[in-house]
N, C-alpha and C. Protein backbone atom coordinates (compact mmCIF):
# COMPACT_ATOMS: atom_id res chain seq x y z
N MET A 1 -12.15 -12.14 18.64
CA MET A 1 -11.56 -12.94 17.57
C MET A 1 -11.03 -14.24 18.15
N THR A 2 -11.35 -15.33 17.53
CA THR A 2 -10.87 -16.62 18.00
C THR A 2 -9.41 -16.82 17.62
N ALA A 3 -8.77 -17.77 18.30
CA ALA A 3 -7.38 -18.08 17.97
C ALA A 3 -7.25 -18.51 16.53
N THR A 4 -8.24 -19.24 16.04
CA THR A 4 -8.20 -19.70 14.64
C THR A 4 -8.24 -18.53 13.68
N GLU A 5 -9.10 -17.54 13.97
CA GLU A 5 -9.20 -16.36 13.11
C GLU A 5 -7.90 -15.57 13.12
N ARG A 6 -7.32 -15.42 14.30
CA ARG A 6 -6.04 -14.69 14.39
C ARG A 6 -4.95 -15.44 13.64
N ASP A 7 -4.91 -16.77 13.81
CA ASP A 7 -3.90 -17.57 13.12
C ASP A 7 -4.05 -17.44 11.61
N GLN A 8 -5.30 -17.39 11.12
CA GLN A 8 -5.53 -17.27 9.68
C GLN A 8 -5.08 -15.91 9.17
N ALA A 9 -5.40 -14.85 9.94
CA ALA A 9 -4.97 -13.51 9.54
C ALA A 9 -3.45 -13.43 9.50
N ALA A 10 -2.79 -14.02 10.50
CA ALA A 10 -1.33 -14.02 10.53
C ALA A 10 -0.76 -14.81 9.35
N ALA A 11 -1.37 -15.97 9.06
CA ALA A 11 -0.90 -16.78 7.94
C ALA A 11 -1.06 -16.03 6.62
N ASP A 12 -2.14 -15.29 6.48
CA ASP A 12 -2.36 -14.52 5.26
C ASP A 12 -1.27 -13.45 5.09
N ILE A 13 -0.91 -12.80 6.19
CA ILE A 13 0.15 -11.79 6.13
C ILE A 13 1.47 -12.42 5.71
N ILE A 14 1.80 -13.55 6.31
CA ILE A 14 3.08 -14.20 5.99
C ILE A 14 3.11 -14.67 4.54
N ASP A 15 2.01 -15.23 4.06
CA ASP A 15 1.94 -15.64 2.65
C ASP A 15 2.16 -14.44 1.73
N ALA A 16 1.50 -13.33 2.05
CA ALA A 16 1.63 -12.12 1.23
C ALA A 16 3.05 -11.57 1.31
N ALA A 17 3.62 -11.60 2.50
CA ALA A 17 4.98 -11.09 2.69
C ALA A 17 5.98 -11.87 1.83
N ARG A 18 5.85 -13.19 1.85
CA ARG A 18 6.76 -14.02 1.06
C ARG A 18 6.58 -13.74 -0.43
N SER A 19 5.34 -13.62 -0.85
CA SER A 19 5.06 -13.38 -2.26
C SER A 19 5.66 -12.05 -2.71
N VAL A 20 5.43 -11.01 -1.93
CA VAL A 20 5.94 -9.68 -2.27
C VAL A 20 7.47 -9.68 -2.32
N PHE A 21 8.08 -10.34 -1.36
CA PHE A 21 9.55 -10.33 -1.28
C PHE A 21 10.18 -11.17 -2.39
N THR A 22 9.68 -12.40 -2.58
CA THR A 22 10.32 -13.29 -3.55
C THR A 22 10.16 -12.80 -4.97
N ARG A 23 9.14 -11.99 -5.24
CA ARG A 23 8.95 -11.46 -6.59
C ARG A 23 9.53 -10.08 -6.77
N GLY A 24 10.32 -9.63 -5.77
CA GLY A 24 11.06 -8.39 -5.92
C GLY A 24 10.23 -7.13 -5.80
N LEU A 25 9.05 -7.22 -5.19
CA LEU A 25 8.23 -6.02 -5.01
C LEU A 25 8.67 -5.20 -3.80
N THR A 26 9.55 -5.78 -2.99
CA THR A 26 10.23 -5.04 -1.93
C THR A 26 11.55 -5.73 -1.67
N HIS A 27 12.39 -5.14 -0.84
CA HIS A 27 13.74 -5.67 -0.66
C HIS A 27 14.23 -5.38 0.75
N GLY A 28 15.27 -6.08 1.14
CA GLY A 28 15.86 -5.85 2.46
C GLY A 28 14.83 -5.91 3.56
N SER A 29 14.85 -4.92 4.43
CA SER A 29 13.86 -4.86 5.51
C SER A 29 12.82 -3.78 5.25
N THR A 30 12.59 -3.48 3.97
CA THR A 30 11.61 -2.46 3.61
C THR A 30 10.22 -3.08 3.43
N GLY A 31 9.21 -2.23 3.50
CA GLY A 31 7.83 -2.65 3.27
C GLY A 31 7.18 -3.19 4.52
N ASN A 32 5.85 -3.05 4.57
CA ASN A 32 5.08 -3.55 5.69
C ASN A 32 3.66 -3.86 5.26
N ILE A 33 3.03 -4.77 5.98
CA ILE A 33 1.71 -5.28 5.63
C ILE A 33 0.86 -5.32 6.89
N SER A 34 -0.42 -4.99 6.77
CA SER A 34 -1.32 -5.06 7.92
C SER A 34 -2.66 -5.64 7.51
N VAL A 35 -3.32 -6.26 8.49
CA VAL A 35 -4.67 -6.80 8.30
C VAL A 35 -5.51 -6.39 9.51
N ARG A 36 -6.70 -5.92 9.25
CA ARG A 36 -7.62 -5.57 10.33
C ARG A 36 -8.24 -6.84 10.91
N THR A 37 -8.29 -6.95 12.23
CA THR A 37 -8.93 -8.07 12.91
C THR A 37 -9.90 -7.53 13.96
N ALA A 38 -10.64 -8.43 14.56
CA ALA A 38 -11.60 -8.02 15.60
C ALA A 38 -10.89 -7.47 16.83
N ASP A 39 -9.63 -7.83 17.03
CA ASP A 39 -8.89 -7.39 18.21
C ASP A 39 -7.99 -6.19 17.96
N GLY A 40 -7.88 -5.76 16.73
CA GLY A 40 -6.99 -4.67 16.38
C GLY A 40 -6.40 -4.90 15.00
N ILE A 41 -5.26 -4.31 14.75
CA ILE A 41 -4.60 -4.41 13.45
C ILE A 41 -3.30 -5.20 13.61
N LEU A 42 -3.22 -6.33 12.91
CA LEU A 42 -1.98 -7.10 12.88
C LEU A 42 -1.06 -6.48 11.84
N VAL A 43 0.19 -6.21 12.21
CA VAL A 43 1.11 -5.53 11.30
C VAL A 43 2.50 -6.12 11.46
N THR A 44 3.27 -6.12 10.38
CA THR A 44 4.63 -6.61 10.45
C THR A 44 5.47 -5.72 11.37
N PRO A 45 6.47 -6.30 12.03
CA PRO A 45 7.23 -5.56 13.05
C PRO A 45 8.33 -4.69 12.47
N THR A 46 8.90 -3.88 13.33
CA THR A 46 9.98 -3.00 12.91
C THR A 46 11.22 -3.80 12.56
N GLY A 47 11.94 -3.33 11.56
CA GLY A 47 13.22 -3.92 11.20
C GLY A 47 13.16 -5.31 10.62
N SER A 48 11.97 -5.73 10.17
CA SER A 48 11.84 -7.10 9.67
C SER A 48 11.91 -7.14 8.15
N SER A 49 12.32 -8.27 7.63
CA SER A 49 12.29 -8.51 6.19
C SER A 49 11.03 -9.28 5.87
N LEU A 50 10.33 -8.89 4.84
CA LEU A 50 9.14 -9.63 4.44
C LEU A 50 9.51 -11.01 3.90
N GLY A 51 10.79 -11.22 3.66
CA GLY A 51 11.24 -12.53 3.20
C GLY A 51 11.44 -13.53 4.32
N THR A 52 11.54 -13.05 5.56
CA THR A 52 11.83 -13.96 6.68
C THR A 52 10.89 -13.80 7.87
N VAL A 53 10.05 -12.78 7.89
CA VAL A 53 9.16 -12.55 9.03
C VAL A 53 8.26 -13.77 9.26
N GLU A 54 7.99 -14.08 10.52
CA GLU A 54 7.14 -15.21 10.88
C GLU A 54 5.90 -14.72 11.62
N ALA A 55 4.90 -15.59 11.69
CA ALA A 55 3.63 -15.22 12.34
C ALA A 55 3.85 -14.77 13.78
N SER A 56 4.78 -15.41 14.47
CA SER A 56 5.03 -15.05 15.87
C SER A 56 5.69 -13.68 16.02
N ASP A 57 6.18 -13.12 14.92
CA ASP A 57 6.84 -11.80 14.96
C ASP A 57 5.85 -10.65 14.83
N LEU A 58 4.61 -10.92 14.44
CA LEU A 58 3.66 -9.85 14.12
C LEU A 58 3.26 -9.08 15.36
N SER A 59 2.98 -7.80 15.15
CA SER A 59 2.56 -6.90 16.21
C SER A 59 1.07 -6.64 16.12
N LEU A 60 0.46 -6.30 17.24
CA LEU A 60 -0.95 -5.91 17.27
C LEU A 60 -1.03 -4.46 17.75
N ILE A 61 -1.69 -3.62 16.96
CA ILE A 61 -1.91 -2.22 17.32
C ILE A 61 -3.40 -1.92 17.30
N ASP A 62 -3.79 -0.80 17.92
CA ASP A 62 -5.19 -0.41 17.82
C ASP A 62 -5.37 0.56 16.67
N ASP A 63 -6.59 1.08 16.50
CA ASP A 63 -6.86 1.92 15.32
C ASP A 63 -6.26 3.32 15.43
N ARG A 64 -5.58 3.61 16.55
CA ARG A 64 -4.83 4.86 16.66
C ARG A 64 -3.33 4.62 16.53
N GLY A 65 -2.96 3.35 16.26
CA GLY A 65 -1.56 3.02 16.11
C GLY A 65 -0.85 2.69 17.40
N VAL A 66 -1.60 2.57 18.50
CA VAL A 66 -1.00 2.25 19.80
C VAL A 66 -0.64 0.77 19.85
N HIS A 67 0.56 0.47 20.29
CA HIS A 67 1.05 -0.91 20.37
C HIS A 67 0.33 -1.64 21.48
N LEU A 68 -0.32 -2.75 21.15
CA LEU A 68 -1.08 -3.53 22.13
C LEU A 68 -0.32 -4.77 22.59
N SER A 69 0.28 -5.49 21.67
CA SER A 69 1.00 -6.71 22.04
C SER A 69 1.94 -7.12 20.93
N GLY A 70 2.81 -8.11 21.24
CA GLY A 70 3.77 -8.60 20.27
C GLY A 70 5.00 -7.71 20.19
N PRO A 71 5.92 -8.02 19.28
CA PRO A 71 7.13 -7.20 19.11
C PRO A 71 6.77 -5.77 18.72
N ARG A 72 7.76 -4.89 18.80
CA ARG A 72 7.53 -3.50 18.44
C ARG A 72 7.12 -3.42 16.96
N PRO A 73 6.03 -2.72 16.66
CA PRO A 73 5.55 -2.68 15.27
C PRO A 73 6.43 -1.83 14.37
N SER A 74 6.22 -1.98 13.08
CA SER A 74 6.88 -1.12 12.10
C SER A 74 6.73 0.34 12.49
N LYS A 75 7.77 1.13 12.23
CA LYS A 75 7.69 2.57 12.53
C LYS A 75 6.64 3.26 11.66
N GLU A 76 6.15 2.56 10.63
CA GLU A 76 5.10 3.12 9.78
C GLU A 76 3.73 2.53 10.10
N ALA A 77 3.62 1.88 11.27
CA ALA A 77 2.33 1.30 11.67
C ALA A 77 1.25 2.38 11.77
N PHE A 78 1.64 3.59 12.18
CA PHE A 78 0.67 4.68 12.28
C PHE A 78 0.02 4.95 10.93
N LEU A 79 0.77 4.73 9.85
CA LEU A 79 0.25 4.96 8.51
C LEU A 79 -0.84 3.95 8.18
N HIS A 80 -0.62 2.70 8.54
CA HIS A 80 -1.62 1.65 8.33
C HIS A 80 -2.88 1.97 9.14
N ALA A 81 -2.70 2.37 10.39
CA ALA A 81 -3.85 2.70 11.23
C ALA A 81 -4.63 3.88 10.64
N ALA A 82 -3.92 4.88 10.15
CA ALA A 82 -4.59 6.06 9.58
C ALA A 82 -5.42 5.69 8.36
N VAL A 83 -4.86 4.86 7.48
CA VAL A 83 -5.57 4.46 6.27
C VAL A 83 -6.81 3.62 6.63
N LEU A 84 -6.65 2.70 7.57
CA LEU A 84 -7.79 1.85 7.95
C LEU A 84 -8.86 2.64 8.70
N ARG A 85 -8.47 3.66 9.46
CA ARG A 85 -9.48 4.54 10.08
C ARG A 85 -10.32 5.24 9.02
N ALA A 86 -9.64 5.69 7.98
CA ALA A 86 -10.32 6.45 6.92
C ALA A 86 -11.18 5.57 6.03
N ARG A 87 -10.89 4.27 6.01
CA ARG A 87 -11.57 3.36 5.10
C ARG A 87 -12.15 2.19 5.89
N PRO A 88 -13.31 2.39 6.50
CA PRO A 88 -13.89 1.33 7.34
C PRO A 88 -14.21 0.05 6.58
N GLY A 89 -14.33 0.11 5.26
CA GLY A 89 -14.59 -1.09 4.48
C GLY A 89 -13.34 -1.84 4.09
N ALA A 90 -12.18 -1.28 4.38
CA ALA A 90 -10.91 -1.92 4.03
C ALA A 90 -10.50 -2.91 5.11
N GLY A 91 -9.88 -4.00 4.68
CA GLY A 91 -9.43 -5.01 5.63
C GLY A 91 -7.93 -5.15 5.70
N ALA A 92 -7.20 -4.49 4.78
CA ALA A 92 -5.75 -4.67 4.74
C ALA A 92 -5.08 -3.48 4.05
N VAL A 93 -3.81 -3.30 4.38
CA VAL A 93 -2.98 -2.27 3.76
C VAL A 93 -1.62 -2.88 3.44
N VAL A 94 -1.11 -2.56 2.25
CA VAL A 94 0.22 -3.01 1.84
C VAL A 94 1.04 -1.78 1.46
N HIS A 95 2.25 -1.70 2.01
CA HIS A 95 3.18 -0.62 1.66
C HIS A 95 4.49 -1.24 1.25
N THR A 96 4.99 -0.87 0.09
CA THR A 96 6.27 -1.40 -0.39
C THR A 96 7.14 -0.26 -0.91
N HIS A 97 8.38 -0.62 -1.23
CA HIS A 97 9.30 0.29 -1.90
C HIS A 97 9.56 -0.25 -3.31
N SER A 98 8.53 -0.72 -3.97
CA SER A 98 8.64 -1.34 -5.28
C SER A 98 9.41 -0.43 -6.25
N THR A 99 10.32 -1.02 -7.00
CA THR A 99 11.32 -0.26 -7.74
C THR A 99 10.73 0.79 -8.68
N TYR A 100 9.81 0.40 -9.53
CA TYR A 100 9.30 1.35 -10.53
C TYR A 100 8.38 2.39 -9.90
N SER A 101 7.59 1.98 -8.93
CA SER A 101 6.75 2.95 -8.22
C SER A 101 7.62 3.96 -7.48
N ALA A 102 8.66 3.45 -6.81
CA ALA A 102 9.58 4.35 -6.11
C ALA A 102 10.28 5.28 -7.09
N ALA A 103 10.64 4.75 -8.27
CA ALA A 103 11.30 5.59 -9.28
C ALA A 103 10.39 6.73 -9.71
N VAL A 104 9.13 6.42 -9.97
CA VAL A 104 8.18 7.47 -10.35
C VAL A 104 8.04 8.49 -9.23
N SER A 105 8.05 8.02 -7.98
CA SER A 105 7.87 8.93 -6.84
C SER A 105 9.02 9.93 -6.70
N CYS A 106 10.14 9.66 -7.38
CA CYS A 106 11.30 10.56 -7.34
C CYS A 106 11.33 11.55 -8.49
N MET A 107 10.41 11.42 -9.44
CA MET A 107 10.42 12.29 -10.62
C MET A 107 9.91 13.69 -10.28
N ARG A 108 10.37 14.64 -11.08
CA ARG A 108 9.90 16.03 -10.94
C ARG A 108 8.69 16.26 -11.83
N ASP A 109 7.97 17.35 -11.52
CA ASP A 109 6.87 17.86 -12.35
C ASP A 109 5.76 16.83 -12.55
N LEU A 110 5.43 16.10 -11.49
CA LEU A 110 4.34 15.13 -11.55
C LEU A 110 3.01 15.81 -11.24
N ASP A 111 1.93 15.23 -11.72
CA ASP A 111 0.59 15.68 -11.36
C ASP A 111 0.29 15.08 -9.99
N THR A 112 0.32 15.89 -8.96
CA THR A 112 0.18 15.36 -7.60
C THR A 112 -1.22 14.83 -7.31
N ASP A 113 -2.19 15.21 -8.12
CA ASP A 113 -3.55 14.69 -7.93
C ASP A 113 -3.73 13.32 -8.58
N ASN A 114 -2.89 13.02 -9.57
CA ASN A 114 -3.02 11.76 -10.30
C ASN A 114 -1.70 11.46 -11.00
N VAL A 115 -0.84 10.70 -10.32
CA VAL A 115 0.54 10.53 -10.76
C VAL A 115 0.67 9.73 -12.05
N LEU A 116 -0.10 8.65 -12.17
CA LEU A 116 0.06 7.74 -13.30
C LEU A 116 -1.14 7.79 -14.24
N PRO A 117 -0.92 7.73 -15.53
CA PRO A 117 -2.03 7.71 -16.49
C PRO A 117 -2.66 6.31 -16.53
N PRO A 118 -3.92 6.21 -16.91
CA PRO A 118 -4.57 4.90 -17.03
C PRO A 118 -4.17 4.22 -18.33
N LEU A 119 -2.99 3.61 -18.33
CA LEU A 119 -2.48 2.99 -19.55
C LEU A 119 -3.20 1.70 -19.88
N THR A 120 -3.70 1.01 -18.87
CA THR A 120 -4.39 -0.26 -19.09
C THR A 120 -5.73 -0.27 -18.38
N ALA A 121 -6.61 -1.15 -18.83
CA ALA A 121 -7.92 -1.28 -18.21
C ALA A 121 -7.82 -1.74 -16.76
N TYR A 122 -6.89 -2.67 -16.49
CA TYR A 122 -6.79 -3.20 -15.13
C TYR A 122 -6.26 -2.17 -14.16
N TYR A 123 -5.39 -1.28 -14.62
CA TYR A 123 -4.97 -0.18 -13.75
C TYR A 123 -6.16 0.72 -13.43
N ALA A 124 -6.95 1.04 -14.43
CA ALA A 124 -8.12 1.89 -14.21
C ALA A 124 -9.09 1.23 -13.23
N MET A 125 -9.26 -0.09 -13.33
CA MET A 125 -10.20 -0.80 -12.46
C MET A 125 -9.67 -0.95 -11.04
N ARG A 126 -8.39 -1.25 -10.90
CA ARG A 126 -7.86 -1.62 -9.59
C ARG A 126 -7.21 -0.48 -8.83
N VAL A 127 -6.83 0.57 -9.56
CA VAL A 127 -6.20 1.71 -8.89
C VAL A 127 -6.99 2.99 -9.13
N GLY A 128 -7.26 3.30 -10.37
CA GLY A 128 -7.99 4.53 -10.66
C GLY A 128 -7.06 5.73 -10.61
N ARG A 129 -7.34 6.68 -9.75
CA ARG A 129 -6.50 7.87 -9.59
C ARG A 129 -5.51 7.65 -8.45
N LEU A 130 -4.30 8.16 -8.62
CA LEU A 130 -3.23 7.93 -7.65
C LEU A 130 -2.63 9.27 -7.20
N PRO A 131 -3.01 9.77 -6.03
CA PRO A 131 -2.42 11.02 -5.54
C PRO A 131 -0.99 10.81 -5.04
N LEU A 132 -0.19 11.87 -5.15
CA LEU A 132 1.19 11.86 -4.66
C LEU A 132 1.27 12.72 -3.41
N LEU A 133 1.75 12.14 -2.31
CA LEU A 133 1.89 12.87 -1.06
C LEU A 133 3.31 13.43 -0.95
N PRO A 134 3.46 14.60 -0.35
CA PRO A 134 4.79 15.21 -0.24
C PRO A 134 5.73 14.38 0.65
N TYR A 135 7.01 14.58 0.47
CA TYR A 135 8.02 13.79 1.18
C TYR A 135 7.94 13.99 2.69
N HIS A 136 7.99 12.87 3.39
CA HIS A 136 8.19 12.82 4.83
C HIS A 136 9.20 11.70 5.08
N ALA A 137 10.08 11.89 6.05
CA ALA A 137 11.03 10.83 6.39
C ALA A 137 10.26 9.60 6.88
N PRO A 138 10.76 8.40 6.61
CA PRO A 138 10.09 7.20 7.11
C PRO A 138 9.87 7.28 8.62
N GLY A 139 8.63 7.00 9.03
CA GLY A 139 8.30 7.05 10.44
C GLY A 139 7.87 8.42 10.93
N ASP A 140 7.89 9.42 10.06
CA ASP A 140 7.48 10.78 10.46
C ASP A 140 5.97 10.83 10.62
N THR A 141 5.49 10.98 11.85
CA THR A 141 4.04 10.97 12.09
C THR A 141 3.37 12.24 11.58
N GLY A 142 4.15 13.19 11.08
CA GLY A 142 3.55 14.36 10.44
C GLY A 142 2.77 13.98 9.20
N LEU A 143 3.01 12.77 8.69
CA LEU A 143 2.28 12.28 7.51
C LEU A 143 0.90 11.75 7.87
N GLU A 144 0.65 11.48 9.13
CA GLU A 144 -0.54 10.74 9.53
C GLU A 144 -1.84 11.41 9.10
N ALA A 145 -2.01 12.67 9.44
CA ALA A 145 -3.28 13.35 9.13
C ALA A 145 -3.49 13.45 7.63
N LEU A 146 -2.42 13.73 6.88
CA LEU A 146 -2.54 13.84 5.43
C LEU A 146 -2.89 12.49 4.81
N ALA A 147 -2.26 11.43 5.29
CA ALA A 147 -2.56 10.09 4.77
C ALA A 147 -4.00 9.71 5.07
N GLU A 148 -4.47 10.04 6.26
CA GLU A 148 -5.85 9.70 6.61
C GLU A 148 -6.84 10.47 5.73
N ALA A 149 -6.57 11.75 5.51
CA ALA A 149 -7.46 12.55 4.66
C ALA A 149 -7.44 12.06 3.22
N THR A 150 -6.27 11.67 2.73
CA THR A 150 -6.15 11.17 1.36
C THR A 150 -6.85 9.82 1.23
N ALA A 151 -6.68 8.95 2.21
CA ALA A 151 -7.29 7.62 2.17
C ALA A 151 -8.81 7.69 2.21
N ALA A 152 -9.35 8.75 2.75
CA ALA A 152 -10.82 8.89 2.79
C ALA A 152 -11.41 9.00 1.39
N ARG A 153 -10.59 9.43 0.42
CA ARG A 153 -11.10 9.58 -0.94
C ARG A 153 -10.44 8.65 -1.94
N ARG A 154 -9.25 8.09 -1.58
CA ARG A 154 -8.54 7.21 -2.51
C ARG A 154 -7.97 6.02 -1.75
N HIS A 155 -8.06 4.83 -2.34
CA HIS A 155 -7.55 3.65 -1.64
C HIS A 155 -6.07 3.41 -1.90
N ALA A 156 -5.48 4.16 -2.84
CA ALA A 156 -4.06 4.03 -3.14
C ALA A 156 -3.43 5.41 -3.18
N MET A 157 -2.20 5.48 -2.72
CA MET A 157 -1.46 6.74 -2.76
C MET A 157 0.02 6.42 -2.95
N LEU A 158 0.77 7.41 -3.42
CA LEU A 158 2.21 7.25 -3.61
C LEU A 158 2.91 8.28 -2.73
N LEU A 159 3.86 7.82 -1.93
CA LEU A 159 4.63 8.70 -1.06
C LEU A 159 5.87 9.17 -1.81
N SER A 160 6.08 10.47 -1.86
CA SER A 160 7.22 11.01 -2.60
C SER A 160 8.54 10.45 -2.09
N ASN A 161 9.42 10.08 -3.04
CA ASN A 161 10.74 9.55 -2.72
C ASN A 161 10.66 8.37 -1.77
N HIS A 162 9.64 7.53 -1.96
CA HIS A 162 9.41 6.46 -1.00
C HIS A 162 8.74 5.26 -1.67
N GLY A 163 7.42 5.27 -1.83
CA GLY A 163 6.76 4.13 -2.44
C GLY A 163 5.26 4.15 -2.23
N PRO A 164 4.55 3.13 -2.72
CA PRO A 164 3.09 3.11 -2.70
C PRO A 164 2.52 2.58 -1.39
N VAL A 165 1.32 3.05 -1.08
CA VAL A 165 0.50 2.53 0.02
C VAL A 165 -0.86 2.22 -0.57
N VAL A 166 -1.31 0.98 -0.42
CA VAL A 166 -2.56 0.55 -1.04
C VAL A 166 -3.43 -0.20 -0.03
N ALA A 167 -4.69 0.18 0.04
CA ALA A 167 -5.66 -0.51 0.89
C ALA A 167 -6.61 -1.31 0.02
N GLY A 168 -7.19 -2.36 0.61
CA GLY A 168 -8.19 -3.16 -0.11
C GLY A 168 -9.14 -3.80 0.87
N GLU A 169 -10.28 -4.23 0.36
CA GLU A 169 -11.25 -4.88 1.24
C GLU A 169 -10.68 -6.16 1.82
N SER A 170 -9.72 -6.75 1.13
CA SER A 170 -9.00 -7.91 1.63
C SER A 170 -7.54 -7.76 1.25
N LEU A 171 -6.71 -8.60 1.83
CA LEU A 171 -5.29 -8.54 1.51
C LEU A 171 -5.03 -8.88 0.05
N SER A 172 -5.76 -9.83 -0.49
CA SER A 172 -5.56 -10.19 -1.90
C SER A 172 -5.95 -9.04 -2.83
N VAL A 173 -7.01 -8.32 -2.50
CA VAL A 173 -7.43 -7.18 -3.31
C VAL A 173 -6.37 -6.06 -3.25
N ALA A 174 -5.85 -5.81 -2.05
CA ALA A 174 -4.82 -4.78 -1.92
C ALA A 174 -3.57 -5.16 -2.71
N LEU A 175 -3.18 -6.43 -2.67
CA LEU A 175 -2.01 -6.88 -3.41
C LEU A 175 -2.21 -6.77 -4.92
N ASP A 176 -3.40 -7.14 -5.39
CA ASP A 176 -3.69 -7.01 -6.82
C ASP A 176 -3.53 -5.57 -7.28
N ALA A 177 -4.06 -4.64 -6.48
CA ALA A 177 -3.96 -3.23 -6.83
C ALA A 177 -2.52 -2.75 -6.79
N LEU A 178 -1.78 -3.18 -5.78
CA LEU A 178 -0.37 -2.80 -5.68
C LEU A 178 0.41 -3.26 -6.91
N GLU A 179 0.14 -4.48 -7.36
CA GLU A 179 0.86 -5.00 -8.52
C GLU A 179 0.50 -4.25 -9.79
N GLU A 180 -0.77 -3.89 -9.95
CA GLU A 180 -1.14 -3.10 -11.13
C GLU A 180 -0.46 -1.73 -11.09
N LEU A 181 -0.37 -1.16 -9.90
CA LEU A 181 0.30 0.12 -9.75
C LEU A 181 1.76 0.01 -10.16
N GLU A 182 2.44 -1.03 -9.66
CA GLU A 182 3.85 -1.22 -9.98
C GLU A 182 4.06 -1.47 -11.48
N GLU A 183 3.21 -2.29 -12.08
CA GLU A 183 3.36 -2.58 -13.51
C GLU A 183 3.10 -1.34 -14.36
N THR A 184 2.15 -0.50 -13.93
CA THR A 184 1.89 0.73 -14.69
C THR A 184 3.04 1.71 -14.53
N ALA A 185 3.62 1.78 -13.33
CA ALA A 185 4.81 2.61 -13.14
C ALA A 185 5.94 2.12 -14.05
N LYS A 186 6.07 0.81 -14.18
CA LYS A 186 7.09 0.24 -15.07
C LYS A 186 6.83 0.65 -16.51
N LEU A 187 5.58 0.59 -16.93
CA LEU A 187 5.25 1.00 -18.29
C LEU A 187 5.57 2.47 -18.52
N VAL A 188 5.28 3.30 -17.53
CA VAL A 188 5.57 4.73 -17.65
C VAL A 188 7.07 4.95 -17.85
N ILE A 189 7.90 4.21 -17.09
CA ILE A 189 9.35 4.35 -17.24
C ILE A 189 9.79 3.86 -18.62
N ILE A 190 9.28 2.72 -19.05
CA ILE A 190 9.66 2.15 -20.34
C ILE A 190 9.26 3.07 -21.49
N LEU A 191 8.08 3.68 -21.37
CA LEU A 191 7.54 4.50 -22.45
C LEU A 191 7.95 5.96 -22.36
N ARG A 192 8.75 6.30 -21.36
CA ARG A 192 9.10 7.71 -21.15
C ARG A 192 9.74 8.28 -22.41
N GLY A 193 9.18 9.40 -22.89
CA GLY A 193 9.69 10.04 -24.09
C GLY A 193 9.03 9.57 -25.36
N LEU A 194 8.22 8.51 -25.28
CA LEU A 194 7.51 8.01 -26.45
C LEU A 194 6.05 8.47 -26.42
N PRO A 195 5.42 8.64 -27.57
CA PRO A 195 4.01 8.99 -27.58
C PRO A 195 3.19 7.81 -27.03
N VAL A 196 2.24 8.12 -26.15
CA VAL A 196 1.41 7.06 -25.57
C VAL A 196 -0.07 7.35 -25.84
N ASN A 197 -0.87 6.31 -25.69
CA ASN A 197 -2.30 6.42 -25.93
C ASN A 197 -3.06 5.85 -24.73
N PRO A 198 -3.10 6.58 -23.62
CA PRO A 198 -3.81 6.07 -22.44
C PRO A 198 -5.31 6.02 -22.68
N LEU A 199 -6.02 5.32 -21.80
CA LEU A 199 -7.47 5.32 -21.86
C LEU A 199 -7.98 6.74 -21.72
N THR A 200 -9.07 7.05 -22.38
CA THR A 200 -9.69 8.35 -22.20
C THR A 200 -10.36 8.40 -20.83
N ALA A 201 -10.71 9.59 -20.38
CA ALA A 201 -11.40 9.73 -19.10
C ALA A 201 -12.71 8.95 -19.11
N GLU A 202 -13.39 8.96 -20.24
CA GLU A 202 -14.66 8.25 -20.35
C GLU A 202 -14.44 6.74 -20.28
N GLN A 203 -13.42 6.25 -20.96
CA GLN A 203 -13.12 4.81 -20.93
C GLN A 203 -12.75 4.37 -19.52
N ALA A 204 -11.92 5.16 -18.85
CA ALA A 204 -11.51 4.81 -17.49
C ALA A 204 -12.70 4.84 -16.53
N ALA A 205 -13.54 5.86 -16.66
CA ALA A 205 -14.70 5.97 -15.76
C ALA A 205 -15.67 4.84 -15.95
N ALA A 206 -15.79 4.34 -17.18
CA ALA A 206 -16.73 3.25 -17.46
C ALA A 206 -16.33 1.95 -16.80
N LEU A 207 -15.06 1.85 -16.39
CA LEU A 207 -14.57 0.62 -15.75
C LEU A 207 -14.87 0.58 -14.26
N GLY A 208 -15.30 1.72 -13.70
CA GLY A 208 -15.72 1.75 -12.31
C GLY A 208 -14.60 1.48 -11.32
N PRO A 209 -13.51 2.26 -11.32
CA PRO A 209 -12.42 2.02 -10.38
C PRO A 209 -12.85 2.28 -8.94
N GLN A 210 -12.12 1.70 -8.02
CA GLN A 210 -12.37 1.96 -6.61
C GLN A 210 -12.06 3.41 -6.30
N ALA A 211 -12.75 3.93 -5.29
CA ALA A 211 -12.41 5.28 -4.79
C ALA A 211 -11.39 5.16 -3.69
């Protein structure tokens, strides 16, 4: 990878980080972003805020999550590596603690195979089915194998009592899907207790969501 390519990948991460933070999709020092490069996976560092992280702060890990260079990576870097191993066509992963998605992840009696209903066409297209993974403490590598197995069949997942993890062929695609997930979680909270009319299975399937 040339210096120009690395600089562009880093700039893309910082742009995404600022966007996610300033629009309230994450807060404090929560959330992390990664992009696959020819030299490894660029990922935001441990203890950083997506509102202030700079390109020089980014860490480089390999596809097993081993730290190669730069500051110490996010304690959830292993999760990014696991998802990207499972999805060779993916170029980026975004993980946030977005308020409504996190709220849904704390609810009881959820369908763990598909947490959110397809309330809108764009959710069906950009997210599709959303599995719920059981609770693990942040940084618990016991989640790694489960996340990798889940990512092999789904590009988005929700971590119990935590938040969403979304992969995409590019960072912009991953962000679009993350935002649809968060907006649908918001709709679920707003509509809770009211009769709803989600898309039928046939309508959702006709939209061709990502796997």
